[in-house]
Amino acid sequence: MADHLTPTTVFKCLADDNRVRMMLLIAREGELCVCELTCALNESQPKVSRHLAQLRTCGLLSDRRQGQWVYYRLHPNLPDWVYQVLSVVLDTNKHWLSPDAKRLDEMAGRPERATTCCESTLA
C-alpha cells in the first residue's frame, strides 16, 4: 500500500479543498462518519462520499462499516512522512480549518462508536 504513495500521488489526491479539509478533520479526530463530515463541511452526502471514495482509492483513508454507517480514518499503513505533513498542516492552519471544526464540535447527535450513527441528524 505505502509503495505507491509518492509525494506526487499524495498531493494529487489532496488537490481539492474538500479532500484536504476531510483529511485534516479525520487526522484531528481519529475517525469520522460520513454524516459528521457532511455536517462539518456543510456539503451534500453524495459529494462527501465521492471525495471519501477518492481518498480511499488513493490509499490515504481506510473505512469500516458499522451497520449502515461508514467510518473513515487515516490508512494505518501511511508512510510516516504523510502523517508528518498532515500534522504540520493541521497545527499551522487551525484558523483555516476552524469553521469546519466548529461545525463538527457543535454538531448535535454526534455518533458514539458503540451506537447507531447520527440518528438525530436524520430525524
PDB file of N, CA and C in Angstrom:
ATOM      1  N   MET A   1       0.831  -1.201   0.000  1.00  0.00           N
ATOM      2  CA  MET A   1       0.000   0.000   0.000  1.00  0.00           C
ATOM      3  C   MET A   1       0.869   1.255   0.000  1.00  0.00           C
ATOM      4  N   ALA A   2       1.829   1.331   0.887  1.00  0.00           N
ATOM      5  CA  ALA A   2       2.642   2.535   1.018  1.00  0.00           C
ATOM      6  C   ALA A   2       3.588   2.728  -0.164  1.00  0.00           C
ATOM      7  N   ASP A   3       3.860   1.671  -0.934  1.00  0.00           N
ATOM      8  CA  ASP A   3       4.804   1.766  -2.038  1.00  0.00           C
ATOM      9  C   ASP A   3       4.378   2.776  -3.099  1.00  0.00           C
ATOM     10  N   HIS A   4       3.105   2.869  -3.362  1.00  0.00           N
ATOM     11  CA  HIS A   4       2.637   3.771  -4.421  1.00  0.00           C
ATOM     12  C   HIS A   4       2.404   5.198  -3.936  1.00  0.00           C
ATOM     13  N   LEU A   5       2.546   5.462  -2.647  1.00  0.00           N
ATOM     14  CA  LEU A   5       2.288   6.795  -2.109  1.00  0.00           C
ATOM     15  C   LEU A   5       3.532   7.670  -2.216  1.00  0.00           C
ATOM     16  N   THR A   6       3.759   8.149  -3.425  1.00  0.00           N
ATOM     17  CA  THR A   6       4.833   9.103  -3.656  1.00  0.00           C
ATOM     18  C   THR A   6       4.305  10.501  -3.339  1.00  0.00           C
ATOM     19  N   PRO A   7       5.176  11.475  -3.178  1.00  0.00           N
ATOM     20  CA  PRO A   7       4.677  12.841  -2.977  1.00  0.00           C
ATOM     21  C   PRO A   7       3.722  13.289  -4.087  1.00  0.00           C
ATOM     22  N   THR A   8       4.011  12.943  -5.321  1.00  0.00           N
ATOM     23  CA  THR A   8       3.125  13.326  -6.423  1.00  0.00           C
ATOM     24  C   THR A   8       1.745  12.714  -6.245  1.00  0.00           C
ATOM     25  N   THR A   9       1.696  11.430  -5.912  1.00  0.00           N
ATOM     26  CA  THR A   9       0.411  10.758  -5.713  1.00  0.00           C
ATOM     27  C   THR A   9      -0.378  11.392  -4.576  1.00  0.00           C
ATOM     28  N   VAL A  10       0.277  11.609  -3.453  1.00  0.00           N
ATOM     29  CA  VAL A  10      -0.401  12.170  -2.281  1.00  0.00           C
ATOM     30  C   VAL A  10      -0.932  13.564  -2.583  1.00  0.00           C
ATOM     31  N   PHE A  11      -0.089  14.417  -3.160  1.00  0.00           N
ATOM     32  CA  PHE A  11      -0.536  15.779  -3.395  1.00  0.00           C
ATOM     33  C   PHE A  11      -1.592  15.862  -4.491  1.00  0.00           C
ATOM     34  N   LYS A  12      -1.559  14.971  -5.463  1.00  0.00           N
ATOM     35  CA  LYS A  12      -2.643  14.917  -6.452  1.00  0.00           C
ATOM     36  C   LYS A  12      -3.953  14.521  -5.777  1.00  0.00           C
ATOM     37  N   CYS A  13      -3.884  13.554  -4.868  1.00  0.00           N
ATOM     38  CA  CYS A  13      -5.091  13.125  -4.141  1.00  0.00           C
ATOM     39  C   CYS A  13      -5.657  14.252  -3.282  1.00  0.00           C
ATOM     40  N   LEU A  14      -4.777  15.099  -2.778  1.00  0.00           N
ATOM     41  CA  LEU A  14      -5.208  16.185  -1.897  1.00  0.00           C
ATOM     42  C   LEU A  14      -5.451  17.500  -2.644  1.00  0.00           C
ATOM     43  N   ALA A  15      -5.411  17.464  -3.962  1.00  0.00           N
ATOM     44  CA  ALA A  15      -5.540  18.686  -4.752  1.00  0.00           C
ATOM     45  C   ALA A  15      -6.990  19.138  -4.888  1.00  0.00           C
ATOM     46  N   ASP A  16      -7.698  19.119  -3.790  1.00  0.00           N
ATOM     47  CA  ASP A  16      -9.085  19.587  -3.748  1.00  0.00           C
ATOM     48  C   ASP A  16      -9.343  20.091  -2.336  1.00  0.00           C
ATOM     49  N   ASP A  17      -9.962  21.245  -2.236  1.00  0.00           N
ATOM     50  CA  ASP A  17     -10.225  21.867  -0.940  1.00  0.00           C
ATOM     51  C   ASP A  17     -10.981  20.926   0.002  1.00  0.00           C
ATOM     52  N   ASN A  18     -12.026  20.285  -0.496  1.00  0.00           N
ATOM     53  CA  ASN A  18     -12.817  19.399   0.359  1.00  0.00           C
ATOM     54  C   ASN A  18     -12.024  18.187   0.827  1.00  0.00           C
ATOM     55  N   ARG A  19     -11.215  17.614  -0.048  1.00  0.00           N
ATOM     56  CA  ARG A  19     -10.439  16.436   0.353  1.00  0.00           C
ATOM     57  C   ARG A  19      -9.388  16.799   1.399  1.00  0.00           C
ATOM     58  N   VAL A  20      -8.754  17.946   1.256  1.00  0.00           N
ATOM     59  CA  VAL A  20      -7.785  18.377   2.270  1.00  0.00           C
ATOM     60  C   VAL A  20      -8.491  18.594   3.606  1.00  0.00           C
ATOM     61  N   ARG A  21      -9.618  19.269   3.583  1.00  0.00           N
ATOM     62  CA  ARG A  21     -10.358  19.523   4.823  1.00  0.00           C
ATOM     63  C   ARG A  21     -10.788  18.217   5.482  1.00  0.00           C
ATOM     64  N   MET A  22     -11.249  17.249   4.680  1.00  0.00           N
ATOM     65  CA  MET A  22     -11.637  15.939   5.225  1.00  0.00           C
ATOM     66  C   MET A  22     -10.445  15.256   5.882  1.00  0.00           C
ATOM     67  N   MET A  23      -9.323  15.242   5.188  1.00  0.00           N
ATOM     68  CA  MET A  23      -8.132  14.581   5.739  1.00  0.00           C
ATOM     69  C   MET A  23      -7.702  15.234   7.055  1.00  0.00           C
ATOM     70  N   LEU A  24      -7.732  16.552   7.111  1.00  0.00           N
ATOM     71  CA  LEU A  24      -7.317  17.245   8.331  1.00  0.00           C
ATOM     72  C   LEU A  24      -8.301  17.001   9.477  1.00  0.00           C
ATOM     73  N   LEU A  25      -9.595  17.003   9.173  1.00  0.00           N
ATOM     74  CA  LEU A  25     -10.579  16.717  10.223  1.00  0.00           C
ATOM     75  C   LEU A  25     -10.427  15.288  10.729  1.00  0.00           C
ATOM     76  N   ILE A  26     -10.205  14.354   9.830  1.00  0.00           N
ATOM     77  CA  ILE A  26     -10.021  12.960  10.239  1.00  0.00           C
ATOM     78  C   ILE A  26      -8.726  12.821  11.038  1.00  0.00           C
ATOM     79  N   ALA A  27      -7.665  13.496  10.616  1.00  0.00           N
ATOM     80  CA  ALA A  27      -6.412  13.466  11.374  1.00  0.00           C
ATOM     81  C   ALA A  27      -6.630  14.048  12.772  1.00  0.00           C
ATOM     82  N   ARG A  28      -7.424  15.088  12.866  1.00  0.00           N
ATOM     83  CA  ARG A  28      -7.713  15.748  14.152  1.00  0.00           C
ATOM     84  C   ARG A  28      -8.543  14.851  15.074  1.00  0.00           C
ATOM     85  N   GLU A  29      -9.540  14.174  14.499  1.00  0.00           N
ATOM     86  CA  GLU A  29     -10.495  13.407  15.291  1.00  0.00           C
ATOM     87  C   GLU A  29     -10.140  11.931  15.440  1.00  0.00           C
ATOM     88  N   GLY A  30      -9.352  11.399  14.530  1.00  0.00           N
ATOM     89  CA  GLY A  30      -9.026   9.980  14.564  1.00  0.00           C
ATOM     90  C   GLY A  30      -9.910   9.153  13.645  1.00  0.00           C
ATOM     91  N   GLU A  31     -11.193   9.390  13.707  1.00  0.00           N
ATOM     92  CA  GLU A  31     -12.159   8.663  12.877  1.00  0.00           C
ATOM     93  C   GLU A  31     -13.435   9.484  12.806  1.00  0.00           C
ATOM     94  N   LEU A  32     -14.022   9.549  11.623  1.00  0.00           N
ATOM     95  CA  LEU A  32     -15.272  10.287  11.451  1.00  0.00           C
ATOM     96  C   LEU A  32     -16.221   9.522  10.538  1.00  0.00           C
ATOM     97  N   CYS A  33     -17.491   9.675  10.811  1.00  0.00           N
ATOM     98  CA  CYS A  33     -18.556   9.106   9.997  1.00  0.00           C
ATOM     99  C   CYS A  33     -18.879  10.076   8.859  1.00  0.00           C
ATOM    100  N   VAL A  34     -19.440   9.552   7.806  1.00  0.00           N
ATOM    101  CA  VAL A  34     -19.838  10.382   6.668  1.00  0.00           C
ATOM    102  C   VAL A  34     -20.733  11.527   7.123  1.00  0.00           C
ATOM    103  N   CYS A  35     -21.676  11.256   8.004  1.00  0.00           N
ATOM    104  CA  CYS A  35     -22.605  12.308   8.434  1.00  0.00           C
ATOM    105  C   CYS A  35     -21.886  13.421   9.193  1.00  0.00           C
ATOM    106  N   GLU A  36     -20.837  13.081   9.939  1.00  0.00           N
ATOM    107  CA  GLU A  36     -20.069  14.108  10.647  1.00  0.00           C
ATOM    108  C   GLU A  36     -19.337  15.000   9.649  1.00  0.00           C
ATOM    109  N   LEU A  37     -18.778  14.400   8.618  1.00  0.00           N
ATOM    110  CA  LEU A  37     -18.083  15.187   7.603  1.00  0.00           C
ATOM    111  C   LEU A  37     -19.061  16.036   6.797  1.00  0.00           C
ATOM    112  N   THR A  38     -20.244  15.498   6.534  1.00  0.00           N
ATOM    113  CA  THR A  38     -21.271  16.261   5.836  1.00  0.00           C
ATOM    114  C   THR A  38     -21.627  17.514   6.626  1.00  0.00           C
ATOM    115  N   CYS A  39     -21.785  17.361   7.922  1.00  0.00           N
ATOM    116  CA  CYS A  39     -22.100  18.494   8.798  1.00  0.00           C
ATOM    117  C   CYS A  39     -20.926  19.477   8.857  1.00  0.00           C
ATOM    118  N   ALA A  40     -19.731  18.971   9.088  1.00  0.00           N
ATOM    119  CA  ALA A  40     -18.562  19.832   9.248  1.00  0.00           C
ATOM    120  C   ALA A  40     -18.269  20.646   7.997  1.00  0.00           C
ATOM    121  N   LEU A  41     -18.390  20.009   6.837  1.00  0.00           N
ATOM    122  CA  LEU A  41     -18.051  20.680   5.586  1.00  0.00           C
ATOM    123  C   LEU A  41     -19.226  21.446   4.983  1.00  0.00           C
ATOM    124  N   ASN A  42     -20.420  21.199   5.535  1.00  0.00           N
ATOM    125  CA  ASN A  42     -21.631  21.837   5.023  1.00  0.00           C
ATOM    126  C   ASN A  42     -21.809  21.518   3.536  1.00  0.00           C
ATOM    127  N   GLU A  43     -21.607  20.236   3.223  1.00  0.00           N
ATOM    128  CA  GLU A  43     -21.717  19.738   1.858  1.00  0.00           C
ATOM    129  C   GLU A  43     -22.726  18.594   1.819  1.00  0.00           C
ATOM    130  N   SER A  44     -23.169  18.241   0.626  1.00  0.00           N
ATOM    131  CA  SER A  44     -24.125  17.143   0.481  1.00  0.00           C
ATOM    132  C   SER A  44     -23.452  15.801   0.743  1.00  0.00           C
ATOM    133  N   GLN A  45     -24.250  14.831   1.167  1.00  0.00           N
ATOM    134  CA  GLN A  45     -23.726  13.494   1.438  1.00  0.00           C
ATOM    135  C   GLN A  45     -23.127  12.851   0.194  1.00  0.00           C
ATOM    136  N   PRO A  46     -23.774  12.945  -0.982  1.00  0.00           N
ATOM    137  CA  PRO A  46     -23.148  12.339  -2.166  1.00  0.00           C
ATOM    138  C   PRO A  46     -21.781  12.953  -2.504  1.00  0.00           C
ATOM    139  N   LYS A  47     -21.658  14.256  -2.355  1.00  0.00           N
ATOM    140  CA  LYS A  47     -20.375  14.913  -2.641  1.00  0.00           C
ATOM    141  C   LYS A  47     -19.307  14.464  -1.655  1.00  0.00           C
ATOM    142  N   VAL A  48     -19.648  14.424  -0.373  1.00  0.00           N
ATOM    143  CA  VAL A  48     -18.696  13.980   0.651  1.00  0.00           C
ATOM    144  C   VAL A  48     -18.291  12.531   0.388  1.00  0.00           C
ATOM    145  N   SER A  49     -19.260  11.686   0.114  1.00  0.00           N
ATOM    146  CA  SER A  49     -18.966  10.273  -0.141  1.00  0.00           C
ATOM    147  C   SER A  49     -18.075  10.088  -1.368  1.00  0.00           C
ATOM    148  N   ARG A  50     -18.297  10.876  -2.382  1.00  0.00           N
ATOM    149  CA  ARG A  50     -17.468  10.780  -3.590  1.00  0.00           C
ATOM    150  C   ARG A  50     -16.008  11.131  -3.283  1.00  0.00           C
ATOM    151  N   HIS A  51     -15.801  12.203  -2.524  1.00  0.00           N
ATOM    152  CA  HIS A  51     -14.435  12.595  -2.153  1.00  0.00           C
ATOM    153  C   HIS A  51     -13.790  11.554  -1.233  1.00  0.00           C
ATOM    154  N   LEU A  52     -14.560  11.008  -0.314  1.00  0.00           N
ATOM    155  CA  LEU A  52     -14.021   9.971   0.568  1.00  0.00           C
ATOM    156  C   LEU A  52     -13.609   8.737  -0.223  1.00  0.00           C
ATOM    157  N   ALA A  53     -14.409   8.377  -1.221  1.00  0.00           N
ATOM    158  CA  ALA A  53     -14.057   7.231  -2.068  1.00  0.00           C
ATOM    159  C   ALA A  53     -12.752   7.489  -2.811  1.00  0.00           C
ATOM    160  N   GLN A  54     -12.545   8.712  -3.269  1.00  0.00           N
ATOM    161  CA  GLN A  54     -11.294   9.050  -3.948  1.00  0.00           C
ATOM    162  C   GLN A  54     -10.108   8.930  -2.984  1.00  0.00           C
ATOM    163  N   LEU A  55     -10.264   9.414  -1.771  1.00  0.00           N
ATOM    164  CA  LEU A  55      -9.188   9.330  -0.782  1.00  0.00           C
ATOM    165  C   LEU A  55      -8.897   7.877  -0.403  1.00  0.00           C
ATOM    166  N   ARG A  56      -9.932   7.072  -0.345  1.00  0.00           N
ATOM    167  CA  ARG A  56      -9.752   5.645  -0.048  1.00  0.00           C
ATOM    168  C   ARG A  56      -9.042   4.950  -1.209  1.00  0.00           C
ATOM    169  N   THR A  57      -9.450   5.252  -2.432  1.00  0.00           N
ATOM    170  CA  THR A  57      -8.822   4.664  -3.610  1.00  0.00           C
ATOM    171  C   THR A  57      -7.343   5.047  -3.701  1.00  0.00           C
ATOM    172  N   CYS A  58      -7.022   6.264  -3.325  1.00  0.00           N
ATOM    173  CA  CYS A  58      -5.619   6.712  -3.319  1.00  0.00           C
ATOM    174  C   CYS A  58      -4.796   5.989  -2.255  1.00  0.00           C
ATOM    175  N   GLY A  59      -5.459   5.414  -1.264  1.00  0.00           N
ATOM    176  CA  GLY A  59      -4.745   4.741  -0.186  1.00  0.00           C
ATOM    177  C   GLY A  59      -4.489   5.617   1.020  1.00  0.00           C
ATOM    178  N   LEU A  60      -5.131   6.801   1.055  1.00  0.00           N
ATOM    179  CA  LEU A  60      -4.924   7.695   2.187  1.00  0.00           C
ATOM    180  C   LEU A  60      -5.865   7.397   3.353  1.00  0.00           C
ATOM    181  N   LEU A  61      -7.033   6.852   3.063  1.00  0.00           N
ATOM    182  CA  LEU A  61      -8.019   6.539   4.100  1.00  0.00           C
ATOM    183  C   LEU A  61      -8.380   5.064   4.058  1.00  0.00           C
ATOM    184  N   SER A  62      -8.806   4.562   5.192  1.00  0.00           N
ATOM    185  CA  SER A  62      -9.445   3.250   5.242  1.00  0.00           C
ATOM    186  C   SER A  62     -10.803   3.463   5.896  1.00  0.00           C
ATOM    187  N   ASP A  63     -11.681   2.494   5.710  1.00  0.00           N
ATOM    188  CA  ASP A  63     -13.028   2.639   6.250  1.00  0.00           C
ATOM    189  C   ASP A  63     -13.444   1.366   6.958  1.00  0.00           C
ATOM    190  N   ARG A  64     -14.494   1.524   7.753  1.00  0.00           N
ATOM    191  CA  ARG A  64     -15.111   0.360   8.390  1.00  0.00           C
ATOM    192  C   ARG A  64     -16.603   0.624   8.455  1.00  0.00           C
ATOM    193  N   ARG A  65     -17.345  -0.445   8.324  1.00  0.00           N
ATOM    194  CA  ARG A  65     -18.804  -0.363   8.413  1.00  0.00           C
ATOM    195  C   ARG A  65     -19.242  -0.704   9.828  1.00  0.00           C
ATOM    196  N   GLN A  66     -20.250   0.017  10.253  1.00  0.00           N
ATOM    197  CA  GLN A  66     -20.939  -0.314  11.498  1.00  0.00           C
ATOM    198  C   GLN A  66     -22.415  -0.164  11.180  1.00  0.00           C
ATOM    199  N   GLY A  67     -23.065  -1.293  10.902  1.00  0.00           N
ATOM    200  CA  GLY A  67     -24.444  -1.247  10.429  1.00  0.00           C
ATOM    201  C   GLY A  67     -24.483  -0.573   9.073  1.00  0.00           C
ATOM    202  N   GLN A  68     -25.339   0.437   8.934  1.00  0.00           N
ATOM    203  CA  GLN A  68     -25.431   1.144   7.661  1.00  0.00           C
ATOM    204  C   GLN A  68     -24.465   2.310   7.566  1.00  0.00           C
ATOM    205  N   TRP A  69     -23.696   2.557   8.611  1.00  0.00           N
ATOM    206  CA  TRP A  69     -22.806   3.709   8.661  1.00  0.00           C
ATOM    207  C   TRP A  69     -21.381   3.313   8.302  1.00  0.00           C
ATOM    208  N   VAL A  70     -20.671   4.249   7.705  1.00  0.00           N
ATOM    209  CA  VAL A  70     -19.278   4.030   7.326  1.00  0.00           C
ATOM    210  C   VAL A  70     -18.425   5.081   8.018  1.00  0.00           C
ATOM    211  N   TYR A  71     -17.386   4.612   8.689  1.00  0.00           N
ATOM    212  CA  TYR A  71     -16.442   5.471   9.400  1.00  0.00           C
ATOM    213  C   TYR A  71     -15.109   5.457   8.666  1.00  0.00           C
ATOM    214  N   TYR A  72     -14.474   6.610   8.601  1.00  0.00           N
ATOM    215  CA  TYR A  72     -13.198   6.752   7.902  1.00  0.00           C
ATOM    216  C   TYR A  72     -12.103   7.178   8.871  1.00  0.00           C
ATOM    217  N   ARG A  73     -10.898   6.648   8.622  1.00  0.00           N
ATOM    218  CA  ARG A  73      -9.713   7.003   9.412  1.00  0.00           C
ATOM    219  C   ARG A  73      -8.517   7.006   8.466  1.00  0.00           C
ATOM    220  N   LEU A  74      -7.424   7.603   8.922  1.00  0.00           N
ATOM    221  CA  LEU A  74      -6.210   7.566   8.107  1.00  0.00           C
ATOM    222  C   LEU A  74      -5.796   6.119   7.929  1.00  0.00           C
ATOM    223  N   HIS A  75      -5.324   5.791   6.738  1.00  0.00           N
ATOM    224  CA  HIS A  75      -4.928   4.417   6.476  1.00  0.00           C
ATOM    225  C   HIS A  75      -3.787   4.038   7.421  1.00  0.00           C
ATOM    226  N   PRO A  76      -3.869   2.882   8.071  1.00  0.00           N
ATOM    227  CA  PRO A  76      -2.837   2.506   9.052  1.00  0.00           C
ATOM    228  C   PRO A  76      -1.453   2.290   8.440  1.00  0.00           C
ATOM    229  N   ASN A  77      -1.362   2.092   7.139  1.00  0.00           N
ATOM    230  CA  ASN A  77      -0.058   1.868   6.507  1.00  0.00           C
ATOM    231  C   ASN A  77       0.500   3.109   5.815  1.00  0.00           C
ATOM    232  N   LEU A  78      -0.011   4.287   6.173  1.00  0.00           N
ATOM    233  CA  LEU A  78       0.538   5.501   5.582  1.00  0.00           C
ATOM    234  C   LEU A  78       2.007   5.644   5.975  1.00  0.00           C
ATOM    235  N   PRO A  79       2.826   6.102   5.063  1.00  0.00           N
ATOM    236  CA  PRO A  79       4.219   6.372   5.428  1.00  0.00           C
ATOM    237  C   PRO A  79       4.289   7.493   6.482  1.00  0.00           C
ATOM    238  N   ASP A  80       5.314   7.452   7.289  1.00  0.00           N
ATOM    239  CA  ASP A  80       5.464   8.464   8.343  1.00  0.00           C
ATOM    240  C   ASP A  80       5.446   9.884   7.799  1.00  0.00           C
ATOM    241  N   TRP A  81       6.025  10.093   6.627  1.00  0.00           N
ATOM    242  CA  TRP A  81       6.093  11.454   6.102  1.00  0.00           C
ATOM    243  C   TRP A  81       4.703  12.020   5.820  1.00  0.00           C
ATOM    244  N   VAL A  82       3.734  11.170   5.469  1.00  0.00           N
ATOM    245  CA  VAL A  82       2.371  11.654   5.227  1.00  0.00           C
ATOM    246  C   VAL A  82       1.745  12.106   6.546  1.00  0.00           C
ATOM    247  N   TYR A  83       1.923  11.320   7.604  1.00  0.00           N
ATOM    248  CA  TYR A  83       1.443  11.734   8.922  1.00  0.00           C
ATOM    249  C   TYR A  83       2.078  13.059   9.332  1.00  0.00           C
ATOM    250  N   GLN A  84       3.373  13.210   9.078  1.00  0.00           N
ATOM    251  CA  GLN A  84       4.077  14.438   9.449  1.00  0.00           C
ATOM    252  C   GLN A  84       3.546  15.635   8.677  1.00  0.00           C
ATOM    253  N   VAL A  85       3.318  15.456   7.384  1.00  0.00           N
ATOM    254  CA  VAL A  85       2.766  16.548   6.574  1.00  0.00           C
ATOM    255  C   VAL A  85       1.389  16.953   7.109  1.00  0.00           C
ATOM    256  N   LEU A  86       0.528  15.977   7.360  1.00  0.00           N
ATOM    257  CA  LEU A  86      -0.812  16.282   7.871  1.00  0.00           C
ATOM    258  C   LEU A  86      -0.738  16.976   9.226  1.00  0.00           C
ATOM    259  N   SER A  87       0.147  16.510  10.078  1.00  0.00           N
ATOM    260  CA  SER A  87       0.297  17.100  11.407  1.00  0.00           C
ATOM    261  C   SER A  87       0.745  18.555  11.318  1.00  0.00           C
ATOM    262  N   VAL A  88       1.742  18.835  10.493  1.00  0.00           N
ATOM    263  CA  VAL A  88       2.234  20.207  10.344  1.00  0.00           C
ATOM    264  C   VAL A  88       1.152  21.102   9.754  1.00  0.00           C
ATOM    265  N   VAL A  89       0.475  20.623   8.728  1.00  0.00           N
ATOM    266  CA  VAL A  89      -0.583  21.426   8.104  1.00  0.00           C
ATOM    267  C   VAL A  89      -1.710  21.688   9.102  1.00  0.00           C
ATOM    268  N   LEU A  90      -2.090  20.682   9.859  1.00  0.00           N
ATOM    269  CA  LEU A  90      -3.144  20.845  10.857  1.00  0.00           C
ATOM    270  C   LEU A  90      -2.725  21.835  11.942  1.00  0.00           C
ATOM    271  N   ASP A  91      -1.520  21.677  12.459  1.00  0.00           N
ATOM    272  CA  ASP A  91      -1.043  22.553  13.541  1.00  0.00           C
ATOM    273  C   ASP A  91      -0.879  24.001  13.114  1.00  0.00           C
ATOM    274  N   THR A  92      -0.507  24.227  11.868  1.00  0.00           N
ATOM    275  CA  THR A  92      -0.213  25.590  11.425  1.00  0.00           C
ATOM    276  C   THR A  92      -1.359  26.261  10.666  1.00  0.00           C
ATOM    277  N   ASN A  93      -2.477  25.562  10.513  1.00  0.00           N
ATOM    278  CA  ASN A  93      -3.600  26.115   9.757  1.00  0.00           C
ATOM    279  C   ASN A  93      -4.926  25.951  10.482  1.00  0.00           C
ATOM    280  N   LYS A  94      -4.903  25.996  11.794  1.00  0.00           N
ATOM    281  CA  LYS A  94      -6.140  25.826  12.564  1.00  0.00           C
ATOM    282  C   LYS A  94      -7.168  26.885  12.219  1.00  0.00           C
ATOM    283  N   HIS A  95      -6.709  28.106  11.954  1.00  0.00           N
ATOM    284  CA  HIS A  95      -7.636  29.180  11.590  1.00  0.00           C
ATOM    285  C   HIS A  95      -8.376  28.860  10.295  1.00  0.00           C
ATOM    286  N   TRP A  96      -7.696  28.236   9.353  1.00  0.00           N
ATOM    287  CA  TRP A  96      -8.294  27.875   8.066  1.00  0.00           C
ATOM    288  C   TRP A  96      -9.344  26.784   8.229  1.00  0.00           C
ATOM    289  N   LEU A  97      -9.076  25.849   9.134  1.00  0.00           N
ATOM    290  CA  LEU A  97      -9.981  24.726   9.358  1.00  0.00           C
ATOM    291  C   LEU A  97     -11.040  25.039  10.419  1.00  0.00           C
ATOM    292  N   SER A  98     -10.906  26.155  11.113  1.00  0.00           N
ATOM    293  CA  SER A  98     -11.767  26.411  12.273  1.00  0.00           C
ATOM    294  C   SER A  98     -13.264  26.450  11.969  1.00  0.00           C
ATOM    295  N   PRO A  99     -13.748  26.977  10.844  1.00  0.00           N
ATOM    296  CA  PRO A  99     -15.204  26.921  10.613  1.00  0.00           C
ATOM    297  C   PRO A  99     -15.718  25.482  10.534  1.00  0.00           C
ATOM    298  N   ASP A 100     -14.963  24.609   9.882  1.00  0.00           N
ATOM    299  CA  ASP A 100     -15.357  23.204   9.769  1.00  0.00           C
ATOM    300  C   ASP A 100     -15.284  22.511  11.128  1.00  0.00           C
ATOM    301  N   ALA A 101     -14.200  22.765  11.852  1.00  0.00           N
ATOM    302  CA  ALA A 101     -14.026  22.160  13.177  1.00  0.00           C
ATOM    303  C   ALA A 101     -15.119  22.627  14.126  1.00  0.00           C
ATOM    304  N   LYS A 102     -15.499  23.895  14.024  1.00  0.00           N
ATOM    305  CA  LYS A 102     -16.556  24.426  14.892  1.00  0.00           C
ATOM    306  C   LYS A 102     -17.897  23.759  14.592  1.00  0.00           C
ATOM    307  N   ARG A 103     -18.229  23.617  13.300  1.00  0.00           N
ATOM    308  CA  ARG A 103     -19.489  22.935  12.957  1.00  0.00           C
ATOM    309  C   ARG A 103     -19.479  21.501  13.476  1.00  0.00           C
ATOM    310  N   LEU A 104     -18.344  20.824  13.344  1.00  0.00           N
ATOM    311  CA  LEU A 104     -18.239  19.455  13.842  1.00  0.00           C
ATOM    312  C   LEU A 104     -18.391  19.418  15.355  1.00  0.00           C
ATOM    313  N   ASP A 105     -17.692  20.306  16.053  1.00  0.00           N
ATOM    314  CA  ASP A 105     -17.752  20.327  17.518  1.00  0.00           C
ATOM    315  C   ASP A 105     -19.147  20.649  18.042  1.00  0.00           C
ATOM    316  N   GLU A 106     -19.885  21.452  17.274  1.00  0.00           N
ATOM    317  CA  GLU A 106     -21.225  21.849  17.707  1.00  0.00           C
ATOM    318  C   GLU A 106     -22.328  20.946  17.162  1.00  0.00           C
ATOM    319  N   MET A 107     -21.949  19.922  16.423  1.00  0.00           N
ATOM    320  CA  MET A 107     -22.939  19.031  15.808  1.00  0.00           C
ATOM    321  C   MET A 107     -23.753  18.316  16.884  1.00  0.00           C
ATOM    322  N   ALA A 108     -25.063  18.449  16.773  1.00  0.00           N
ATOM    323  CA  ALA A 108     -25.956  17.747  17.693  1.00  0.00           C
ATOM    324  C   ALA A 108     -26.020  16.284  17.297  1.00  0.00           C
ATOM    325  N   GLY A 109     -26.070  15.415  18.262  1.00  0.00           N
ATOM    326  CA  GLY A 109     -26.251  13.999  17.996  1.00  0.00           C
ATOM    327  C   GLY A 109     -25.069  13.324  17.344  1.00  0.00           C
ATOM    328  N   ARG A 110     -23.857  13.811  17.657  1.00  0.00           N
ATOM    329  CA  ARG A 110     -22.677  13.129  17.097  1.00  0.00           C
ATOM    330  C   ARG A 110     -22.673  11.685  17.532  1.00  0.00           C
ATOM    331  N   PRO A 111     -22.237  10.817  16.659  1.00  0.00           N
ATOM    332  CA  PRO A 111     -22.317   9.378  16.954  1.00  0.00           C
ATOM    333  C   PRO A 111     -21.368   8.940  18.053  1.00  0.00           C
ATOM    334  N   GLU A 112     -21.855   8.008  18.824  1.00  0.00           N
ATOM    335  CA  GLU A 112     -21.000   7.263  19.737  1.00  0.00           C
ATOM    336  C   GLU A 112     -20.605   6.024  18.972  1.00  0.00           C
ATOM    337  N   ARG A 113     -19.389   5.621  19.051  1.00  0.00           N
ATOM    338  CA  ARG A 113     -18.922   4.499  18.240  1.00  0.00           C
ATOM    339  C   ARG A 113     -19.640   3.193  18.579  1.00  0.00           C
ATOM    340  N   ALA A 114     -20.231   3.097  19.739  1.00  0.00           N
ATOM    341  CA  ALA A 114     -20.894   1.852  20.131  1.00  0.00           C
ATOM    342  C   ALA A 114     -22.378   1.847  19.765  1.00  0.00           C
ATOM    343  N   THR A 115     -22.894   2.982  19.267  1.00  0.00           N
ATOM    344  CA  THR A 115     -24.321   3.054  18.953  1.00  0.00           C
ATOM    345  C   THR A 115     -24.510   3.442  17.498  1.00  0.00           C
ATOM    346  N   THR A 116     -25.734   3.612  17.125  1.00  0.00           N
ATOM    347  CA  THR A 116     -26.059   3.982  15.757  1.00  0.00           C
ATOM    348  C   THR A 116     -25.617   5.425  15.506  1.00  0.00           C
ATOM    349  N   CYS A 117     -25.125   5.658  14.335  1.00  0.00           N
ATOM    350  CA  CYS A 117     -24.599   6.964  13.968  1.00  0.00           C
ATOM    351  C   CYS A 117     -25.696   7.948  13.597  1.00  0.00           C
ATOM    352  N   CYS A 118     -25.550   9.140  14.076  1.00  0.00           N
ATOM    353  CA  CYS A 118     -26.240  10.314  13.545  1.00  0.00           C
ATOM    354  C   CYS A 118     -27.762  10.198  13.506  1.00  0.00           C
ATOM    355  N   GLU A 119     -28.353   9.518  14.462  1.00  0.00           N
ATOM    356  CA  GLU A 119     -29.804   9.355  14.450  1.00  0.00           C
ATOM    357  C   GLU A 119     -30.524  10.699  14.437  1.00  0.00           C
ATOM    358  N   SER A 120     -30.064  11.638  15.283  1.00  0.00           N
ATOM    359  CA  SER A 120     -30.792  12.897  15.372  1.00  0.00           C
ATOM    360  C   SER A 120     -30.612  13.764  14.141  1.00  0.00           C
ATOM    361  N   THR A 121     -29.551  13.563  13.371  1.00  0.00           N
ATOM    362  CA  THR A 121     -29.364  14.358  12.171  1.00  0.00           C
ATOM    363  C   THR A 121     -30.260  13.883  11.048  1.00  0.00           C
ATOM    364  N   LEU A 122     -30.795  12.676  11.161  1.00  0.00           N
ATOM    365  CA  LEU A 122     -31.658  12.152  10.114  1.00  0.00           C
ATOM    366  C   LEU A 122     -33.124  12.259  10.466  1.00  0.00           C
ATOM    367  N   ALA A 123     -33.417  12.593  11.690  1.00  0.00           N
ATOM    368  CA  ALA A 123     -34.818  12.648  12.129  1.00  0.00           C
ATOM    369  C   ALA A 123     -35.526  13.866  11.564  1.00  0.00           C
TER     370      ALA A 123
END
